[in-house]
Amino acid sequence: GDVGREELLAVLRPLAGPGGEEPTQNRAPEPRKESAQARVLDVKKLETLAGLAKKEPEKFILHLIERFRTLSEKLASQVEVACNDGDFDQIASAAHQLKSSSAQLGLDQLSELASCVEQHARSGKDDFIEDRLEALVAAIVQANRALEDLKIEGAPS
């Protein structure tokens, strides 16, 4: 059957950090420490994407997560090879794809880092790219871990 909004929110709320309540119009949010996962993943963007699904929003989100995992691993490999080859066009192209796909899923830190790598590749700053390559790969691993945690938390018990 179709997954309702409340069921989807119940799956996504744990990613918001402690409490996981939706903010109300009349109340200021209470200050809280963000979990590492909440800083990596903006759940509101996933909720928005889920709202676009005509049916089975949970399946739709899980499909997007799996596609991102596959694409991000491929792009990380492309960036590494292109960096070793000094192919700035390929680095910029892969970083651009990574920037766009990670932003779509609410992986803003990864998107910003990929954008930075893309800009520097377009300007030919190879020393900067080599310094950022390790950070980019680590950010991809962290993003995929946050998405995997979402899948595990959303699994039926």
C-alpha atoms as a PDB file:
ATOM      1  CA  GLY A   1       0.000   0.000   0.000  1.00  0.00           C
ATOM      2  CA  ASP A   2       0.889   3.656  -0.125  1.00  0.00           C
ATOM      3  CA  VAL A   3       2.994   5.133   2.638  1.00  0.00           C
ATOM      4  CA  GLY A   4       1.311   8.135   4.213  1.00  0.00           C
ATOM      5  CA  ARG A   5       3.021  11.381   5.153  1.00  0.00           C
ATOM      6  CA  GLU A   6       3.069  10.510   8.857  1.00  0.00           C
ATOM      7  CA  GLU A   7       4.621   7.090   8.183  1.00  0.00           C
ATOM      8  CA  LEU A   8       7.312   8.670   6.011  1.00  0.00           C
ATOM      9  CA  LEU A   9       7.999  11.354   8.613  1.00  0.00           C
ATOM     10  CA  ALA A  10       8.294   8.631  11.259  1.00  0.00           C
ATOM     11  CA  VAL A  11      11.064   7.081   9.153  1.00  0.00           C
ATOM     12  CA  LEU A  12      12.809  10.403   8.524  1.00  0.00           C
ATOM     13  CA  ARG A  13      12.420  12.029  11.975  1.00  0.00           C
ATOM     14  CA  PRO A  14      15.295  10.172  13.669  1.00  0.00           C
ATOM     15  CA  LEU A  15      17.669  11.831  11.207  1.00  0.00           C
ATOM     16  CA  ALA A  16      16.635  15.264  12.427  1.00  0.00           C
ATOM     17  CA  GLY A  17      18.485  14.611  15.692  1.00  0.00           C
ATOM     18  CA  PRO A  18      17.159  14.425  19.237  1.00  0.00           C
ATOM     19  CA  GLY A  19      13.435  14.994  19.497  1.00  0.00           C
ATOM     20  CA  GLY A  20      12.727  14.753  15.787  1.00  0.00           C
ATOM     21  CA  GLU A  21       9.567  16.852  16.072  1.00  0.00           C
ATOM     22  CA  GLU A  22       8.397  19.044  13.262  1.00  0.00           C
ATOM     23  CA  PRO A  23       8.809  22.709  14.185  1.00  0.00           C
ATOM     24  CA  THR A  24       5.547  24.566  14.705  1.00  0.00           C
ATOM     25  CA  GLN A  25       4.771  28.068  13.532  1.00  0.00           C
ATOM     26  CA  ASN A  26       4.189  29.352  17.069  1.00  0.00           C
ATOM     27  CA  ARG A  27       7.267  27.981  18.779  1.00  0.00           C
ATOM     28  CA  ALA A  28      10.935  28.697  18.308  1.00  0.00           C
ATOM     29  CA  PRO A  29      12.969  25.518  17.960  1.00  0.00           C
ATOM     30  CA  GLU A  30      14.862  24.533  21.072  1.00  0.00           C
ATOM     31  CA  PRO A  31      18.639  24.675  20.720  1.00  0.00           C
ATOM     32  CA  ARG A  32      20.138  21.214  20.419  1.00  0.00           C
ATOM     33  CA  LYS A  33      23.346  19.576  19.452  1.00  0.00           C
ATOM     34  CA  GLU A  34      23.184  18.322  15.924  1.00  0.00           C
ATOM     35  CA  SER A  35      24.092  14.728  15.333  1.00  0.00           C
ATOM     36  CA  ALA A  36      26.847  14.109  12.813  1.00  0.00           C
ATOM     37  CA  GLN A  37      24.235  12.555  10.536  1.00  0.00           C
ATOM     38  CA  ALA A  38      21.967  15.612  10.754  1.00  0.00           C
ATOM     39  CA  ARG A  39      24.865  17.825   9.657  1.00  0.00           C
ATOM     40  CA  VAL A  40      25.611  15.546   6.695  1.00  0.00           C
ATOM     41  CA  LEU A  41      22.006  15.064   5.550  1.00  0.00           C
ATOM     42  CA  ASP A  42      19.207  17.653   5.264  1.00  0.00           C
ATOM     43  CA  VAL A  43      16.151  15.452   5.796  1.00  0.00           C
ATOM     44  CA  LYS A  44      13.762  18.198   4.688  1.00  0.00           C
ATOM     45  CA  LYS A  45      15.063  17.848   1.118  1.00  0.00           C
ATOM     46  CA  LEU A  46      14.338  14.112   1.220  1.00  0.00           C
ATOM     47  CA  GLU A  47      10.841  14.837   2.568  1.00  0.00           C
ATOM     48  CA  THR A  48      10.292  17.240  -0.329  1.00  0.00           C
ATOM     49  CA  LEU A  49      11.456  14.601  -2.817  1.00  0.00           C
ATOM     50  CA  ALA A  50       9.204  12.016  -1.182  1.00  0.00           C
ATOM     51  CA  GLY A  51       6.294  14.414  -1.637  1.00  0.00           C
ATOM     52  CA  LEU A  52       6.929  14.371  -5.394  1.00  0.00           C
ATOM     53  CA  ALA A  53       6.356  10.618  -5.607  1.00  0.00           C
ATOM     54  CA  LYS A  54       2.888   9.823  -6.936  1.00  0.00           C
ATOM     55  CA  LYS A  55       2.861   6.541  -5.009  1.00  0.00           C
ATOM     56  CA  GLU A  56       5.148   4.640  -2.648  1.00  0.00           C
ATOM     57  CA  PRO A  57       7.345   7.595  -1.552  1.00  0.00           C
ATOM     58  CA  GLU A  58       9.471   5.374   0.676  1.00  0.00           C
ATOM     59  CA  LYS A  59      10.382   3.109  -2.267  1.00  0.00           C
ATOM     60  CA  PHE A  60      11.117   6.206  -4.348  1.00  0.00           C
ATOM     61  CA  ILE A  61      13.543   7.569  -1.723  1.00  0.00           C
ATOM     62  CA  LEU A  62      15.224   4.176  -1.293  1.00  0.00           C
ATOM     63  CA  HIS A  63      15.661   4.000  -5.077  1.00  0.00           C
ATOM     64  CA  LEU A  64      17.258   7.481  -5.132  1.00  0.00           C
ATOM     65  CA  ILE A  65      19.584   6.510  -2.273  1.00  0.00           C
ATOM     66  CA  GLU A  66      20.733   3.391  -4.101  1.00  0.00           C
ATOM     67  CA  ARG A  67      21.269   5.325  -7.353  1.00  0.00           C
ATOM     68  CA  PHE A  68      23.302   7.933  -5.479  1.00  0.00           C
ATOM     69  CA  ARG A  69      25.455   5.266  -3.820  1.00  0.00           C
ATOM     70  CA  THR A  70      26.282   3.707  -7.176  1.00  0.00           C
ATOM     71  CA  LEU A  71      26.865   7.054  -8.907  1.00  0.00           C
ATOM     72  CA  SER A  72      28.952   8.544  -6.090  1.00  0.00           C
ATOM     73  CA  GLU A  73      31.282   5.537  -6.014  1.00  0.00           C
ATOM     74  CA  LYS A  74      31.718   5.752  -9.798  1.00  0.00           C
ATOM     75  CA  LEU A  75      32.352   9.514  -9.663  1.00  0.00           C
ATOM     76  CA  ALA A  76      34.841   9.206  -6.785  1.00  0.00           C
ATOM     77  CA  SER A  77      36.795   6.702  -8.856  1.00  0.00           C
ATOM     78  CA  GLN A  78      36.639   8.975 -11.923  1.00  0.00           C
ATOM     79  CA  VAL A  79      37.948  11.940  -9.911  1.00  0.00           C
ATOM     80  CA  GLU A  80      40.835   9.878  -8.533  1.00  0.00           C
ATOM     81  CA  VAL A  81      41.851   8.580 -11.968  1.00  0.00           C
ATOM     82  CA  ALA A  82      41.447  12.007 -13.580  1.00  0.00           C
ATOM     83  CA  CYS A  83      43.504  13.587 -10.797  1.00  0.00           C
ATOM     84  CA  ASN A  84      46.314  11.084 -11.376  1.00  0.00           C
ATOM     85  CA  ASP A  85      46.119  11.802 -15.118  1.00  0.00           C
ATOM     86  CA  GLY A  86      45.941  15.579 -14.650  1.00  0.00           C
ATOM     87  CA  ASP A  87      42.646  15.625 -16.597  1.00  0.00           C
ATOM     88  CA  PHE A  88      41.012  18.795 -15.241  1.00  0.00           C
ATOM     89  CA  ASP A  89      38.025  18.565 -17.589  1.00  0.00           C
ATOM     90  CA  GLN A  90      37.164  15.078 -16.303  1.00  0.00           C
ATOM     91  CA  ILE A  91      37.660  16.176 -12.677  1.00  0.00           C
ATOM     92  CA  ALA A  92      35.338  19.153 -13.236  1.00  0.00           C
ATOM     93  CA  SER A  93      32.732  16.994 -14.992  1.00  0.00           C
ATOM     94  CA  ALA A  94      32.656  14.318 -12.265  1.00  0.00           C
ATOM     95  CA  ALA A  95      32.668  16.923  -9.478  1.00  0.00           C
ATOM     96  CA  HIS A  96      29.785  18.755 -11.186  1.00  0.00           C
ATOM     97  CA  GLN A  97      27.685  15.569 -11.332  1.00  0.00           C
ATOM     98  CA  LEU A  98      28.507  14.825  -7.704  1.00  0.00           C
ATOM     99  CA  LYS A  99      27.608  18.395  -6.700  1.00  0.00           C
ATOM    100  CA  SER A 100      24.204  18.179  -8.362  1.00  0.00           C
ATOM    101  CA  SER A 101      23.223  14.692  -7.232  1.00  0.00           C
ATOM    102  CA  SER A 102      24.303  15.252  -3.625  1.00  0.00           C
ATOM    103  CA  ALA A 103      22.479  18.609  -3.424  1.00  0.00           C
ATOM    104  CA  GLN A 104      19.286  16.951  -4.664  1.00  0.00           C
ATOM    105  CA  LEU A 105      19.371  14.497  -1.740  1.00  0.00           C
ATOM    106  CA  GLY A 106      20.192  17.117   0.874  1.00  0.00           C
ATOM    107  CA  LEU A 107      23.885  16.226   1.187  1.00  0.00           C
ATOM    108  CA  ASP A 108      24.881  19.879   1.326  1.00  0.00           C
ATOM    109  CA  GLN A 109      28.402  19.531   2.742  1.00  0.00           C
ATOM    110  CA  LEU A 110      29.345  17.060   0.032  1.00  0.00           C
ATOM    111  CA  SER A 111      27.745  19.272  -2.609  1.00  0.00           C
ATOM    112  CA  GLU A 112      29.735  22.309  -1.437  1.00  0.00           C
ATOM    113  CA  LEU A 113      33.001  20.375  -1.432  1.00  0.00           C
ATOM    114  CA  ALA A 114      32.302  18.980  -4.915  1.00  0.00           C
ATOM    115  CA  SER A 115      31.510  22.519  -6.108  1.00  0.00           C
ATOM    116  CA  CYS A 116      34.834  23.738  -4.744  1.00  0.00           C
ATOM    117  CA  VAL A 117      36.718  20.907  -6.497  1.00  0.00           C
ATOM    118  CA  GLU A 118      34.821  21.638  -9.725  1.00  0.00           C
ATOM    119  CA  GLN A 119      35.705  25.352  -9.636  1.00  0.00           C
ATOM    120  CA  HIS A 120      39.378  24.689  -8.963  1.00  0.00           C
ATOM    121  CA  ALA A 121      39.549  22.036 -11.691  1.00  0.00           C
ATOM    122  CA  ARG A 122      38.102  24.527 -14.175  1.00  0.00           C
ATOM    123  CA  SER A 123      40.807  27.012 -13.156  1.00  0.00           C
ATOM    124  CA  GLY A 124      43.581  24.368 -13.319  1.00  0.00           C
ATOM    125  CA  LYS A 125      44.635  24.489  -9.639  1.00  0.00           C
ATOM    126  CA  ASP A 126      45.903  20.936  -9.345  1.00  0.00           C
ATOM    127  CA  ASP A 127      47.676  21.369  -5.986  1.00  0.00           C
ATOM    128  CA  PHE A 128      44.358  22.362  -4.398  1.00  0.00           C
ATOM    129  CA  ILE A 129      42.499  19.457  -6.006  1.00  0.00           C
ATOM    130  CA  GLU A 130      44.989  16.896  -4.724  1.00  0.00           C
ATOM    131  CA  ASP A 131      44.577  18.340  -1.220  1.00  0.00           C
ATOM    132  CA  ARG A 132      40.779  18.122  -1.510  1.00  0.00           C
ATOM    133  CA  LEU A 133      40.579  14.681  -3.110  1.00  0.00           C
ATOM    134  CA  GLU A 134      40.938  12.844   0.206  1.00  0.00           C
ATOM    135  CA  ALA A 135      38.334  15.121   1.810  1.00  0.00           C
ATOM    136  CA  LEU A 136      35.982  14.531  -1.122  1.00  0.00           C
ATOM    137  CA  VAL A 137      36.297  10.746  -0.887  1.00  0.00           C
ATOM    138  CA  ALA A 138      35.778  10.913   2.902  1.00  0.00           C
ATOM    139  CA  ALA A 139      32.687  13.099   2.394  1.00  0.00           C
ATOM    140  CA  ILE A 140      31.273  10.575  -0.093  1.00  0.00           C
ATOM    141  CA  VAL A 141      31.789   7.759   2.416  1.00  0.00           C
ATOM    142  CA  GLN A 142      30.168   9.855   5.166  1.00  0.00           C
ATOM    143  CA  ALA A 143      27.206  10.765   2.929  1.00  0.00           C
ATOM    144  CA  ASN A 144      26.626   7.155   1.931  1.00  0.00           C
ATOM    145  CA  ARG A 145      26.847   6.103   5.588  1.00  0.00           C
ATOM    146  CA  ALA A 146      24.174   8.684   6.528  1.00  0.00           C
ATOM    147  CA  LEU A 147      21.938   7.460   3.697  1.00  0.00           C
ATOM    148  CA  GLU A 148      22.509   3.828   4.671  1.00  0.00           C
ATOM    149  CA  ASP A 149      21.584   4.656   8.275  1.00  0.00           C
ATOM    150  CA  LEU A 150      18.356   6.145   6.915  1.00  0.00           C
ATOM    151  CA  LYS A 151      17.604   2.916   5.048  1.00  0.00           C
ATOM    152  CA  ILE A 152      18.280   0.823   8.175  1.00  0.00           C
ATOM    153  CA  GLU A 153      16.161   3.082  10.402  1.00  0.00           C
ATOM    154  CA  GLY A 154      13.373   2.979   7.813  1.00  0.00           C
ATOM    155  CA  ALA A 155      13.355  -0.818   7.502  1.00  0.00           C
ATOM    156  CA  PRO A 156      10.287  -2.587   8.857  1.00  0.00           C
ATOM    157  CA  SER A 157      10.921  -4.176  12.236  1.00  0.00           C
END
